[in-house]
């Protein structure tokens, strides 16, 4: 098991399925991502850096791409969701579309790769 798998075991029902879906999509986009932690959250890591994390809060689910620039670059597509400078809020009954999740993860992967050069 890893940090993500362990975290998902602590969440029940529709929220768990919604959180797992985010990680599943991210793994499809970046299959070499590994489970770990970043900023105290269970996360998928790519090249040793936080790729994506998603957690349950009291009133919503939050996605963290570890980059305000990634969120800003997709601001128009995220207009239907509440965002902060570092997170996107969604709900089990109002998930992020798979295509948008893929773009978020791809953008973060590209950013990590650019910084590694």
PDB file of N, CA and C in Angstrom:
ATOM      1  N   UNK A   1       0.841  -1.187   0.000  1.00  0.00           N
ATOM      2  CA  UNK A   1       0.000   0.000   0.000  1.00  0.00           C
ATOM      3  C   UNK A   1       0.879   1.241   0.000  1.00  0.00           C
ATOM      4  N   UNK A   2       0.277   2.359  -0.338  1.00  0.00           N
ATOM      5  CA  UNK A   2       0.976   3.625  -0.329  1.00  0.00           C
ATOM      6  C   UNK A   2       0.116   4.687   0.309  1.00  0.00           C
ATOM      7  N   UNK A   3       0.618   5.885   0.338  1.00  0.00           N
ATOM      8  CA  UNK A   3      -0.081   6.983   1.014  1.00  0.00           C
ATOM      9  C   UNK A   3      -1.477   7.222   0.435  1.00  0.00           C
ATOM     10  N   UNK A   4      -1.603   7.205  -0.884  1.00  0.00           N
ATOM     11  CA  UNK A   4      -2.907   7.435  -1.506  1.00  0.00           C
ATOM     12  C   UNK A   4      -3.862   6.299  -1.164  1.00  0.00           C
ATOM     13  N   UNK A   5      -3.413   5.073  -1.343  1.00  0.00           N
ATOM     14  CA  UNK A   5      -4.254   3.912  -1.028  1.00  0.00           C
ATOM     15  C   UNK A   5      -4.682   3.936   0.431  1.00  0.00           C
ATOM     16  N   UNK A   6      -3.753   4.249   1.321  1.00  0.00           N
ATOM     17  CA  UNK A   6      -4.073   4.315   2.747  1.00  0.00           C
ATOM     18  C   UNK A   6      -5.087   5.413   3.036  1.00  0.00           C
ATOM     19  N   UNK A   7      -4.917   6.571   2.407  1.00  0.00           N
ATOM     20  CA  UNK A   7      -5.859   7.672   2.624  1.00  0.00           C
ATOM     21  C   UNK A   7      -7.257   7.288   2.134  1.00  0.00           C
ATOM     22  N   UNK A   8      -7.336   6.708   0.954  1.00  0.00           N
ATOM     23  CA  UNK A   8      -8.645   6.348   0.405  1.00  0.00           C
ATOM     24  C   UNK A   8      -9.381   5.365   1.305  1.00  0.00           C
ATOM     25  N   UNK A   9      -8.646   4.523   2.017  1.00  0.00           N
ATOM     26  CA  UNK A   9      -9.269   3.578   2.950  1.00  0.00           C
ATOM     27  C   UNK A   9      -9.997   4.293   4.087  1.00  0.00           C
ATOM     28  N   UNK A  10      -9.653   5.547   4.353  1.00  0.00           N
ATOM     29  CA  UNK A  10     -10.273   6.294   5.457  1.00  0.00           C
ATOM     30  C   UNK A  10     -11.545   7.020   5.045  1.00  0.00           C
ATOM     31  N   UNK A  11     -11.866   6.996   3.755  1.00  0.00           N
ATOM     32  CA  UNK A  11     -13.021   7.730   3.231  1.00  0.00           C
ATOM     33  C   UNK A  11     -14.051   6.722   2.727  1.00  0.00           C
ATOM     34  N   UNK A  12     -15.324   7.006   2.965  1.00  0.00           N
ATOM     35  CA  UNK A  12     -16.392   6.092   2.562  1.00  0.00           C
ATOM     36  C   UNK A  12     -17.244   6.659   1.435  1.00  0.00           C
ATOM     37  N   UNK A  13     -18.001   5.783   0.819  1.00  0.00           N
ATOM     38  CA  UNK A  13     -19.083   6.139  -0.078  1.00  0.00           C
ATOM     39  C   UNK A  13     -18.696   6.888  -1.334  1.00  0.00           C
ATOM     40  N   UNK A  14     -19.596   7.792  -1.705  1.00  0.00           N
ATOM     41  CA  UNK A  14     -19.446   8.542  -2.953  1.00  0.00           C
ATOM     42  C   UNK A  14     -18.200   9.422  -2.943  1.00  0.00           C
ATOM     43  N   UNK A  15     -17.849   9.975  -1.787  1.00  0.00           N
ATOM     44  CA  UNK A  15     -16.640  10.801  -1.716  1.00  0.00           C
ATOM     45  C   UNK A  15     -15.403   9.968  -2.042  1.00  0.00           C
ATOM     46  N   UNK A  16     -15.350   8.767  -1.513  1.00  0.00           N
ATOM     47  CA  UNK A  16     -14.205   7.897  -1.796  1.00  0.00           C
ATOM     48  C   UNK A  16     -14.106   7.601  -3.293  1.00  0.00           C
ATOM     49  N   UNK A  17     -15.220   7.288  -3.906  1.00  0.00           N
ATOM     50  CA  UNK A  17     -15.220   6.992  -5.345  1.00  0.00           C
ATOM     51  C   UNK A  17     -14.774   8.210  -6.147  1.00  0.00           C
ATOM     52  N   UNK A  18     -15.219   9.391  -5.750  1.00  0.00           N
ATOM     53  CA  UNK A  18     -14.844  10.617  -6.463  1.00  0.00           C
ATOM     54  C   UNK A  18     -13.349  10.912  -6.315  1.00  0.00           C
ATOM     55  N   UNK A  19     -12.825  10.721  -5.113  1.00  0.00           N
ATOM     56  CA  UNK A  19     -11.392  10.932  -4.882  1.00  0.00           C
ATOM     57  C   UNK A  19     -10.568   9.910  -5.672  1.00  0.00           C
ATOM     58  N   UNK A  20     -10.974   8.649  -5.625  1.00  0.00           N
ATOM     59  CA  UNK A  20     -10.252   7.589  -6.334  1.00  0.00           C
ATOM     60  C   UNK A  20     -10.250   7.846  -7.836  1.00  0.00           C
ATOM     61  N   UNK A  21     -11.348   8.372  -8.355  1.00  0.00           N
ATOM     62  CA  UNK A  21     -11.441   8.667  -9.780  1.00  0.00           C
ATOM     63  C   UNK A  21     -10.379   9.669 -10.205  1.00  0.00           C
ATOM     64  N   UNK A  22     -10.148  10.691  -9.390  1.00  0.00           N
ATOM     65  CA  UNK A  22      -9.113  11.688  -9.702  1.00  0.00           C
ATOM     66  C   UNK A  22      -7.753  11.000  -9.801  1.00  0.00           C
ATOM     67  N   UNK A  23      -7.439  10.168  -8.829  1.00  0.00           N
ATOM     68  CA  UNK A  23      -6.150   9.467  -8.859  1.00  0.00           C
ATOM     69  C   UNK A  23      -6.063   8.502 -10.042  1.00  0.00           C
ATOM     70  N   UNK A  24      -7.172   7.849 -10.369  1.00  0.00           N
ATOM     71  CA  UNK A  24      -7.168   6.924 -11.510  1.00  0.00           C
ATOM     72  C   UNK A  24      -6.884   7.662 -12.813  1.00  0.00           C
ATOM     73  N   UNK A  25      -7.526   8.797 -13.010  1.00  0.00           N
ATOM     74  CA  UNK A  25      -7.299   9.590 -14.225  1.00  0.00           C
ATOM     75  C   UNK A  25      -5.848  10.076 -14.257  1.00  0.00           C
ATOM     76  N   UNK A  26      -5.349  10.546 -13.131  1.00  0.00           N
ATOM     77  CA  UNK A  26      -3.962  11.026 -13.077  1.00  0.00           C
ATOM     78  C   UNK A  26      -2.979   9.907 -13.413  1.00  0.00           C
ATOM     79  N   UNK A  27      -3.259   8.709 -12.933  1.00  0.00           N
ATOM     80  CA  UNK A  27      -2.379   7.564 -13.237  1.00  0.00           C
ATOM     81  C   UNK A  27      -2.436   7.199 -14.723  1.00  0.00           C
ATOM     82  N   UNK A  28      -3.587   7.386 -15.352  1.00  0.00           N
ATOM     83  CA  UNK A  28      -3.683   7.143 -16.797  1.00  0.00           C
ATOM     84  C   UNK A  28      -2.801   8.132 -17.554  1.00  0.00           C
ATOM     85  N   UNK A  29      -2.816   9.383 -17.129  1.00  0.00           N
ATOM     86  CA  UNK A  29      -2.057  10.438 -17.801  1.00  0.00           C
ATOM     87  C   UNK A  29      -0.555  10.297 -17.520  1.00  0.00           C
ATOM     88  N   UNK A  30      -0.216   9.982 -16.284  1.00  0.00           N
ATOM     89  CA  UNK A  30       1.196   9.872 -15.880  1.00  0.00           C
ATOM     90  C   UNK A  30       1.376   8.514 -15.177  1.00  0.00           C
ATOM     91  N   UNK A  31       1.481   7.443 -15.963  1.00  0.00           N
ATOM     92  CA  UNK A  31       1.554   6.108 -15.358  1.00  0.00           C
ATOM     93  C   UNK A  31       2.779   5.888 -14.478  1.00  0.00           C
ATOM     94  N   UNK A  32       3.823   6.681 -14.673  1.00  0.00           N
ATOM     95  CA  UNK A  32       5.021   6.525 -13.850  1.00  0.00           C
ATOM     96  C   UNK A  32       4.922   7.257 -12.507  1.00  0.00           C
ATOM     97  N   UNK A  33       3.810   7.924 -12.245  1.00  0.00           N
ATOM     98  CA  UNK A  33       3.610   8.593 -10.952  1.00  0.00           C
ATOM     99  C   UNK A  33       3.563   7.547  -9.838  1.00  0.00           C
ATOM    100  N   UNK A  34       4.080   7.933  -8.684  1.00  0.00           N
ATOM    101  CA  UNK A  34       4.107   7.030  -7.533  1.00  0.00           C
ATOM    102  C   UNK A  34       3.382   7.675  -6.358  1.00  0.00           C
ATOM    103  N   UNK A  35       2.918   6.832  -5.453  1.00  0.00           N
ATOM    104  CA  UNK A  35       2.243   7.328  -4.258  1.00  0.00           C
ATOM    105  C   UNK A  35       3.257   7.859  -3.267  1.00  0.00           C
ATOM    106  N   UNK A  36       2.879   8.924  -2.607  1.00  0.00           N
ATOM    107  CA  UNK A  36       3.720   9.512  -1.580  1.00  0.00           C
ATOM    108  C   UNK A  36       2.948  10.597  -0.871  1.00  0.00           C
ATOM    109  N   UNK A  37       3.653  11.531  -0.273  1.00  0.00           N
ATOM    110  CA  UNK A  37       3.007  12.671   0.364  1.00  0.00           C
ATOM    111  C   UNK A  37       3.697  13.949  -0.097  1.00  0.00           C
ATOM    112  N   UNK A  38       2.921  15.007  -0.135  1.00  0.00           N
ATOM    113  CA  UNK A  38       3.436  16.327  -0.446  1.00  0.00           C
ATOM    114  C   UNK A  38       2.603  17.335   0.323  1.00  0.00           C
ATOM    115  N   UNK A  39       3.272  18.217   1.028  1.00  0.00           N
ATOM    116  CA  UNK A  39       2.597  19.198   1.889  1.00  0.00           C
ATOM    117  C   UNK A  39       1.630  18.515   2.850  1.00  0.00           C
ATOM    118  N   UNK A  40       2.013  17.347   3.345  1.00  0.00           N
ATOM    119  CA  UNK A  40       1.216  16.635   4.331  1.00  0.00           C
ATOM    120  C   UNK A  40      -0.003  15.920   3.787  1.00  0.00           C
ATOM    121  N   UNK A  41      -0.161  15.891   2.475  1.00  0.00           N
ATOM    122  CA  UNK A  41      -1.308  15.226   1.860  1.00  0.00           C
ATOM    123  C   UNK A  41      -0.851  13.996   1.090  1.00  0.00           C
ATOM    124  N   UNK A  42      -1.692  12.974   1.093  1.00  0.00           N
ATOM    125  CA  UNK A  42      -1.450  11.821   0.230  1.00  0.00           C
ATOM    126  C   UNK A  42      -1.504  12.329  -1.202  1.00  0.00           C
ATOM    127  N   UNK A  43      -0.501  11.975  -1.990  1.00  0.00           N
ATOM    128  CA  UNK A  43      -0.397  12.546  -3.332  1.00  0.00           C
ATOM    129  C   UNK A  43       0.232  11.560  -4.295  1.00  0.00           C
ATOM    130  N   UNK A  44       0.059  11.851  -5.561  1.00  0.00           N
ATOM    131  CA  UNK A  44       0.855  11.187  -6.580  1.00  0.00           C
ATOM    132  C   UNK A  44       2.037  12.101  -6.855  1.00  0.00           C
ATOM    133  N   UNK A  45       3.213  11.510  -6.930  1.00  0.00           N
ATOM    134  CA  UNK A  45       4.443  12.251  -7.164  1.00  0.00           C
ATOM    135  C   UNK A  45       5.001  11.884  -8.529  1.00  0.00           C
ATOM    136  N   UNK A  46       5.578  12.879  -9.170  1.00  0.00           N
ATOM    137  CA  UNK A  46       6.229  12.673 -10.459  1.00  0.00           C
ATOM    138  C   UNK A  46       7.598  13.328 -10.381  1.00  0.00           C
ATOM    139  N   UNK A  47       8.611  12.573 -10.669  1.00  0.00           N
ATOM    140  CA  UNK A  47       9.984  13.067 -10.584  1.00  0.00           C
ATOM    141  C   UNK A  47      10.267  13.674  -9.203  1.00  0.00           C
ATOM    142  N   UNK A  48       9.681  13.058  -8.181  1.00  0.00           N
ATOM    143  CA  UNK A  48       9.907  13.489  -6.808  1.00  0.00           C
ATOM    144  C   UNK A  48       9.115  14.708  -6.368  1.00  0.00           C
ATOM    145  N   UNK A  49       8.246  15.207  -7.215  1.00  0.00           N
ATOM    146  CA  UNK A  49       7.451  16.417  -6.880  1.00  0.00           C
ATOM    147  C   UNK A  49       5.968  16.104  -6.895  1.00  0.00           C
ATOM    148  N   UNK A  50       5.209  16.897  -6.140  1.00  0.00           N
ATOM    149  CA  UNK A  50       3.768  16.713  -6.100  1.00  0.00           C
ATOM    150  C   UNK A  50       3.137  16.922  -7.466  1.00  0.00           C
ATOM    151  N   UNK A  51       2.461  15.899  -7.934  1.00  0.00           N
ATOM    152  CA  UNK A  51       1.739  15.980  -9.210  1.00  0.00           C
ATOM    153  C   UNK A  51       0.296  16.377  -8.950  1.00  0.00           C
ATOM    154  N   UNK A  52      -0.365  15.640  -8.071  1.00  0.00           N
ATOM    155  CA  UNK A  52      -1.753  15.943  -7.739  1.00  0.00           C
ATOM    156  C   UNK A  52      -2.119  15.265  -6.417  1.00  0.00           C
ATOM    157  N   UNK A  53      -2.972  15.941  -5.672  1.00  0.00           N
ATOM    158  CA  UNK A  53      -3.575  15.386  -4.460  1.00  0.00           C
ATOM    159  C   UNK A  53      -5.036  15.785  -4.466  1.00  0.00           C
ATOM    160  N   UNK A  54      -5.850  14.986  -3.835  1.00  0.00           N
ATOM    161  CA  UNK A  54      -7.248  15.340  -3.659  1.00  0.00           C
ATOM    162  C   UNK A  54      -7.697  14.823  -2.304  1.00  0.00           C
ATOM    163  N   UNK A  55      -8.413  15.665  -1.580  1.00  0.00           N
ATOM    164  CA  UNK A  55      -8.812  15.339  -0.214  1.00  0.00           C
ATOM    165  C   UNK A  55     -10.246  15.771   0.045  1.00  0.00           C
ATOM    166  N   UNK A  56     -10.816  15.150   1.074  1.00  0.00           N
ATOM    167  CA  UNK A  56     -12.154  15.538   1.507  1.00  0.00           C
ATOM    168  C   UNK A  56     -12.028  16.576   2.608  1.00  0.00           C
ATOM    169  N   UNK A  57     -12.723  17.681   2.423  1.00  0.00           N
ATOM    170  CA  UNK A  57     -12.836  18.709   3.456  1.00  0.00           C
ATOM    171  C   UNK A  57     -14.255  18.613   4.030  1.00  0.00           C
ATOM    172  N   UNK A  58     -14.590  19.502   4.935  1.00  0.00           N
ATOM    173  CA  UNK A  58     -15.913  19.444   5.558  1.00  0.00           C
ATOM    174  C   UNK A  58     -17.049  19.633   4.556  1.00  0.00           C
ATOM    175  N   UNK A  59     -16.914  20.637   3.678  1.00  0.00           N
ATOM    176  CA  UNK A  59     -18.023  20.999   2.791  1.00  0.00           C
ATOM    177  C   UNK A  59     -17.808  20.637   1.328  1.00  0.00           C
ATOM    178  N   UNK A  60     -16.637  20.132   0.969  1.00  0.00           N
ATOM    179  CA  UNK A  60     -16.352  19.854  -0.434  1.00  0.00           C
ATOM    180  C   UNK A  60     -15.133  18.946  -0.543  1.00  0.00           C
ATOM    181  N   UNK A  61     -14.837  18.545  -1.765  1.00  0.00           N
ATOM    182  CA  UNK A  61     -13.611  17.827  -2.079  1.00  0.00           C
ATOM    183  C   UNK A  61     -12.681  18.833  -2.737  1.00  0.00           C
ATOM    184  N   UNK A  62     -11.395  18.712  -2.501  1.00  0.00           N
ATOM    185  CA  UNK A  62     -10.429  19.649  -3.074  1.00  0.00           C
ATOM    186  C   UNK A  62      -9.378  18.909  -3.879  1.00  0.00           C
ATOM    187  N   UNK A  63      -9.043  19.471  -5.011  1.00  0.00           N
ATOM    188  CA  UNK A  63      -7.970  18.973  -5.857  1.00  0.00           C
ATOM    189  C   UNK A  63      -6.820  19.968  -5.781  1.00  0.00           C
ATOM    190  N   UNK A  64      -5.623  19.457  -5.564  1.00  0.00           N
ATOM    191  CA  UNK A  64      -4.422  20.282  -5.474  1.00  0.00           C
ATOM    192  C   UNK A  64      -3.428  19.864  -6.554  1.00  0.00           C
ATOM    193  N   UNK A  65      -3.237  20.690  -7.577  1.00  0.00           N
ATOM    194  CA  UNK A  65      -2.219  20.378  -8.582  1.00  0.00           C
ATOM    195  C   UNK A  65      -0.845  20.947  -8.222  1.00  0.00           C
ATOM    196  N   UNK A  66      -0.704  21.447  -7.005  1.00  0.00           N
ATOM    197  CA  UNK A  66       0.566  21.991  -6.518  1.00  0.00           C
ATOM    198  C   UNK A  66       1.103  23.108  -7.397  1.00  0.00           C
ATOM    199  N   UNK A  67       0.189  23.863  -8.001  1.00  0.00           N
ATOM    200  CA  UNK A  67       0.615  24.945  -8.881  1.00  0.00           C
ATOM    201  C   UNK A  67      -0.519  25.923  -9.120  1.00  0.00           C
ATOM    202  N   UNK A  68      -0.328  27.145  -8.657  1.00  0.00           N
ATOM    203  CA  UNK A  68      -1.289  28.193  -8.980  1.00  0.00           C
ATOM    204  C   UNK A  68      -1.292  28.517 -10.455  1.00  0.00           C
ATOM    205  N   UNK A  69      -0.137  28.359 -11.104  1.00  0.00           N
ATOM    206  CA  UNK A  69      -0.048  28.643 -12.542  1.00  0.00           C
ATOM    207  C   UNK A  69      -0.904  27.673 -13.345  1.00  0.00           C
ATOM    208  N   UNK A  70      -0.955  26.421 -12.937  1.00  0.00           N
ATOM    209  CA  UNK A  70      -1.793  25.434 -13.637  1.00  0.00           C
ATOM    210  C   UNK A  70      -3.258  25.821 -13.505  1.00  0.00           C
ATOM    211  N   UNK A  71      -3.669  26.191 -12.313  1.00  0.00           N
ATOM    212  CA  UNK A  71      -5.067  26.591 -12.104  1.00  0.00           C
ATOM    213  C   UNK A  71      -5.378  27.840 -12.928  1.00  0.00           C
ATOM    214  N   UNK A  72      -4.491  28.812 -12.898  1.00  0.00           N
ATOM    215  CA  UNK A  72      -4.707  30.049 -13.662  1.00  0.00           C
ATOM    216  C   UNK A  72      -4.786  29.776 -15.158  1.00  0.00           C
ATOM    217  N   UNK A  73      -3.967  28.843 -15.646  1.00  0.00           N
ATOM    218  CA  UNK A  73      -3.958  28.570 -17.084  1.00  0.00           C
ATOM    219  C   UNK A  73      -5.246  27.911 -17.567  1.00  0.00           C
ATOM    220  N   UNK A  74      -5.999  27.326 -16.655  1.00  0.00           N
ATOM    221  CA  UNK A  74      -7.257  26.670 -17.014  1.00  0.00           C
ATOM    222  C   UNK A  74      -8.464  27.377 -16.387  1.00  0.00           C
ATOM    223  N   UNK A  75      -8.296  28.650 -16.053  1.00  0.00           N
ATOM    224  CA  UNK A  75      -9.331  29.404 -15.343  1.00  0.00           C
ATOM    225  C   UNK A  75     -10.679  29.390 -16.066  1.00  0.00           C
ATOM    226  N   UNK A  76     -10.673  29.562 -17.364  1.00  0.00           N
ATOM    227  CA  UNK A  76     -11.945  29.559 -18.108  1.00  0.00           C
ATOM    228  C   UNK A  76     -12.654  28.221 -17.988  1.00  0.00           C
ATOM    229  N   UNK A  77     -11.908  27.141 -18.121  1.00  0.00           N
ATOM    230  CA  UNK A  77     -12.501  25.806 -18.031  1.00  0.00           C
ATOM    231  C   UNK A  77     -12.938  25.464 -16.613  1.00  0.00           C
ATOM    232  N   UNK A  78     -12.350  26.121 -15.631  1.00  0.00           N
ATOM    233  CA  UNK A  78     -12.685  25.885 -14.229  1.00  0.00           C
ATOM    234  C   UNK A  78     -13.736  26.857 -13.702  1.00  0.00           C
ATOM    235  N   UNK A  79     -14.294  27.679 -14.567  1.00  0.00           N
ATOM    236  CA  UNK A  79     -15.226  28.735 -14.150  1.00  0.00           C
ATOM    237  C   UNK A  79     -16.444  28.206 -13.389  1.00  0.00           C
ATOM    238  N   UNK A  80     -16.857  26.981 -13.639  1.00  0.00           N
ATOM    239  CA  UNK A  80     -18.020  26.415 -12.956  1.00  0.00           C
ATOM    240  C   UNK A  80     -17.686  25.834 -11.591  1.00  0.00           C
ATOM    241  N   UNK A  81     -16.414  25.906 -11.202  1.00  0.00           N
ATOM    242  CA  UNK A  81     -15.968  25.359  -9.925  1.00  0.00           C
ATOM    243  C   UNK A  81     -15.346  26.464  -9.093  1.00  0.00           C
ATOM    244  N   UNK A  82     -15.478  26.344  -7.779  1.00  0.00           N
ATOM    245  CA  UNK A  82     -14.806  27.287  -6.889  1.00  0.00           C
ATOM    246  C   UNK A  82     -13.320  26.948  -6.892  1.00  0.00           C
ATOM    247  N   UNK A  83     -12.507  27.973  -7.010  1.00  0.00           N
ATOM    248  CA  UNK A  83     -11.055  27.767  -6.978  1.00  0.00           C
ATOM    249  C   UNK A  83     -10.418  28.734  -5.993  1.00  0.00           C
ATOM    250  N   UNK A  84      -9.242  28.357  -5.541  1.00  0.00           N
ATOM    251  CA  UNK A  84      -8.382  29.254  -4.787  1.00  0.00           C
ATOM    252  C   UNK A  84      -7.098  29.345  -5.601  1.00  0.00           C
ATOM    253  N   UNK A  85      -6.108  30.014  -5.084  1.00  0.00           N
ATOM    254  CA  UNK A  85      -4.858  30.102  -5.836  1.00  0.00           C
ATOM    255  C   UNK A  85      -4.172  28.746  -5.962  1.00  0.00           C
ATOM    256  N   UNK A  86      -4.532  27.782  -5.119  1.00  0.00           N
ATOM    257  CA  UNK A  86      -3.859  26.493  -5.170  1.00  0.00           C
ATOM    258  C   UNK A  86      -4.759  25.276  -5.226  1.00  0.00           C
ATOM    259  N   UNK A  87      -6.095  25.478  -5.257  1.00  0.00           N
ATOM    260  CA  UNK A  87      -6.976  24.314  -5.236  1.00  0.00           C
ATOM    261  C   UNK A  87      -8.235  24.536  -6.069  1.00  0.00           C
ATOM    262  N   UNK A  88      -8.860  23.421  -6.382  1.00  0.00           N
ATOM    263  CA  UNK A  88     -10.142  23.410  -7.096  1.00  0.00           C
ATOM    264  C   UNK A  88     -11.102  22.607  -6.230  1.00  0.00           C
ATOM    265  N   UNK A  89     -12.281  23.171  -5.961  1.00  0.00           N
ATOM    266  CA  UNK A  89     -13.270  22.490  -5.133  1.00  0.00           C
ATOM    267  C   UNK A  89     -14.325  21.857  -6.027  1.00  0.00           C
ATOM    268  N   UNK A  90     -14.690  20.640  -5.684  1.00  0.00           N
ATOM    269  CA  UNK A  90     -15.707  19.901  -6.425  1.00  0.00           C
ATOM    270  C   UNK A  90     -16.468  19.031  -5.441  1.00  0.00           C
ATOM    271  N   UNK A  91     -17.403  18.253  -5.921  1.00  0.00           N
ATOM    272  CA  UNK A  91     -18.182  17.377  -5.050  1.00  0.00           C
ATOM    273  C   UNK A  91     -18.412  16.048  -5.757  1.00  0.00           C
ATOM    274  N   UNK A  92     -18.735  15.037  -4.980  1.00  0.00           N
ATOM    275  CA  UNK A  92     -18.988  13.722  -5.561  1.00  0.00           C
ATOM    276  C   UNK A  92     -20.125  13.794  -6.571  1.00  0.00           C
ATOM    277  N   UNK A  93     -21.116  14.630  -6.291  1.00  0.00           N
ATOM    278  CA  UNK A  93     -22.238  14.753  -7.225  1.00  0.00           C
ATOM    279  C   UNK A  93     -22.020  15.858  -8.266  1.00  0.00           C
ATOM    280  N   UNK A  94     -20.861  16.486  -8.228  1.00  0.00           N
ATOM    281  CA  UNK A  94     -20.481  17.501  -9.219  1.00  0.00           C
ATOM    282  C   UNK A  94     -18.979  17.394  -9.484  1.00  0.00           C
ATOM    283  N   UNK A  95     -18.568  16.266 -10.093  1.00  0.00           N
ATOM    284  CA  UNK A  95     -17.138  16.018 -10.285  1.00  0.00           C
ATOM    285  C   UNK A  95     -16.543  16.845 -11.410  1.00  0.00           C
ATOM    286  N   UNK A  96     -15.243  16.934 -11.396  1.00  0.00           N
ATOM    287  CA  UNK A  96     -14.522  17.551 -12.514  1.00  0.00           C
ATOM    288  C   UNK A  96     -14.600  16.597 -13.700  1.00  0.00           C
ATOM    289  N   UNK A  97     -14.894  17.099 -14.885  1.00  0.00           N
ATOM    290  CA  UNK A  97     -14.933  16.224 -16.062  1.00  0.00           C
ATOM    291  C   UNK A  97     -13.561  15.586 -16.307  1.00  0.00           C
ATOM    292  N   UNK A  98     -13.578  14.351 -16.794  1.00  0.00           N
ATOM    293  CA  UNK A  98     -12.319  13.634 -17.044  1.00  0.00           C
ATOM    294  C   UNK A  98     -11.382  14.417 -17.949  1.00  0.00           C
ATOM    295  N   UNK A  99     -11.920  15.022 -19.012  1.00  0.00           N
ATOM    296  CA  UNK A  99     -11.063  15.770 -19.941  1.00  0.00           C
ATOM    297  C   UNK A  99     -10.373  16.927 -19.229  1.00  0.00           C
ATOM    298  N   UNK A 100     -11.068  17.595 -18.327  1.00  0.00           N
ATOM    299  CA  UNK A 100     -10.473  18.699 -17.573  1.00  0.00           C
ATOM    300  C   UNK A 100      -9.430  18.171 -16.589  1.00  0.00           C
ATOM    301  N   UNK A 101      -9.730  17.070 -15.936  1.00  0.00           N
ATOM    302  CA  UNK A 101      -8.740  16.452 -15.040  1.00  0.00           C
ATOM    303  C   UNK A 101      -7.465  16.112 -15.805  1.00  0.00           C
ATOM    304  N   UNK A 102      -7.636  15.556 -16.999  1.00  0.00           N
ATOM    305  CA  UNK A 102      -6.461  15.211 -17.801  1.00  0.00           C
ATOM    306  C   UNK A 102      -5.636  16.455 -18.131  1.00  0.00           C
ATOM    307  N   UNK A 103      -6.306  17.538 -18.505  1.00  0.00           N
ATOM    308  CA  UNK A 103      -5.586  18.771 -18.829  1.00  0.00           C
ATOM    309  C   UNK A 103      -4.845  19.316 -17.608  1.00  0.00           C
ATOM    310  N   UNK A 104      -5.470  19.256 -16.445  1.00  0.00           N
ATOM    311  CA  UNK A 104      -4.809  19.707 -15.216  1.00  0.00           C
ATOM    312  C   UNK A 104      -3.549  18.885 -14.940  1.00  0.00           C
ATOM    313  N   UNK A 105      -3.664  17.580 -15.030  1.00  0.00           N
ATOM    314  CA  UNK A 105      -2.527  16.707 -14.740  1.00  0.00           C
ATOM    315  C   UNK A 105      -1.445  16.868 -15.805  1.00  0.00           C
ATOM    316  N   UNK A 106      -1.845  16.958 -17.060  1.00  0.00           N
ATOM    317  CA  UNK A 106      -0.864  17.167 -18.140  1.00  0.00           C
ATOM    318  C   UNK A 106      -0.107  18.479 -17.954  1.00  0.00           C
ATOM    319  N   UNK A 107      -0.843  19.525 -17.587  1.00  0.00           N
ATOM    320  CA  UNK A 107      -0.204  20.825 -17.378  1.00  0.00           C
ATOM    321  C   UNK A 107       0.792  20.761 -16.223  1.00  0.00           C
ATOM    322  N   UNK A 108       0.430  20.068 -15.160  1.00  0.00           N
ATOM    323  CA  UNK A 108       1.350  19.946 -14.023  1.00  0.00           C
ATOM    324  C   UNK A 108       2.571  19.110 -14.400  1.00  0.00           C
ATOM    325  N   UNK A 109       2.361  18.020 -15.138  1.00  0.00           N
ATOM    326  CA  UNK A 109       3.499  17.205 -15.579  1.00  0.00           C
ATOM    327  C   UNK A 109       4.455  18.043 -16.432  1.00  0.00           C
ATOM    328  N   UNK A 110       3.899  18.810 -17.357  1.00  0.00           N
ATOM    329  CA  UNK A 110       4.714  19.668 -18.217  1.00  0.00           C
ATOM    330  C   UNK A 110       5.501  20.672 -17.392  1.00  0.00           C
ATOM    331  N   UNK A 111       4.861  21.235 -16.371  1.00  0.00           N
ATOM    332  CA  UNK A 111       5.532  22.200 -15.504  1.00  0.00           C
ATOM    333  C   UNK A 111       6.685  21.545 -14.735  1.00  0.00           C
ATOM    334  N   UNK A 112       6.465  20.353 -14.218  1.00  0.00           N
ATOM    335  CA  UNK A 112       7.521  19.631 -13.500  1.00  0.00           C
ATOM    336  C   UNK A 112       8.682  19.335 -14.437  1.00  0.00           C
ATOM    337  N   UNK A 113       8.379  18.881 -15.629  1.00  0.00           N
ATOM    338  CA  UNK A 113       9.433  18.561 -16.600  1.00  0.00           C
ATOM    339  C   UNK A 113      10.229  19.797 -16.998  1.00  0.00           C
ATOM    340  N   UNK A 114       9.546  20.918 -17.164  1.00  0.00           N
ATOM    341  CA  UNK A 114      10.225  22.170 -17.532  1.00  0.00           C
ATOM    342  C   UNK A 114      11.183  22.628 -16.434  1.00  0.00           C
ATOM    343  N   UNK A 115      10.785  22.466 -15.188  1.00  0.00           N
ATOM    344  CA  UNK A 115      11.636  22.866 -14.072  1.00  0.00           C
ATOM    345  C   UNK A 115      12.838  21.950 -13.906  1.00  0.00           C
ATOM    346  N   UNK A 116      12.698  20.701 -14.376  1.00  0.00           N
ATOM    347  CA  UNK A 116      13.796  19.742 -14.245  1.00  0.00           C
ATOM    348  C   UNK A 116      14.912  20.011 -15.258  1.00  0.00           C
ATOM    349  N   UNK A 117      14.616  20.769 -16.289  1.00  0.00           N
ATOM    350  CA  UNK A 117      15.623  21.025 -17.338  1.00  0.00           C
ATOM    351  C   UNK A 117      16.632  22.042 -16.927  1.00  0.00           C
TER     352      UNK A 117
END
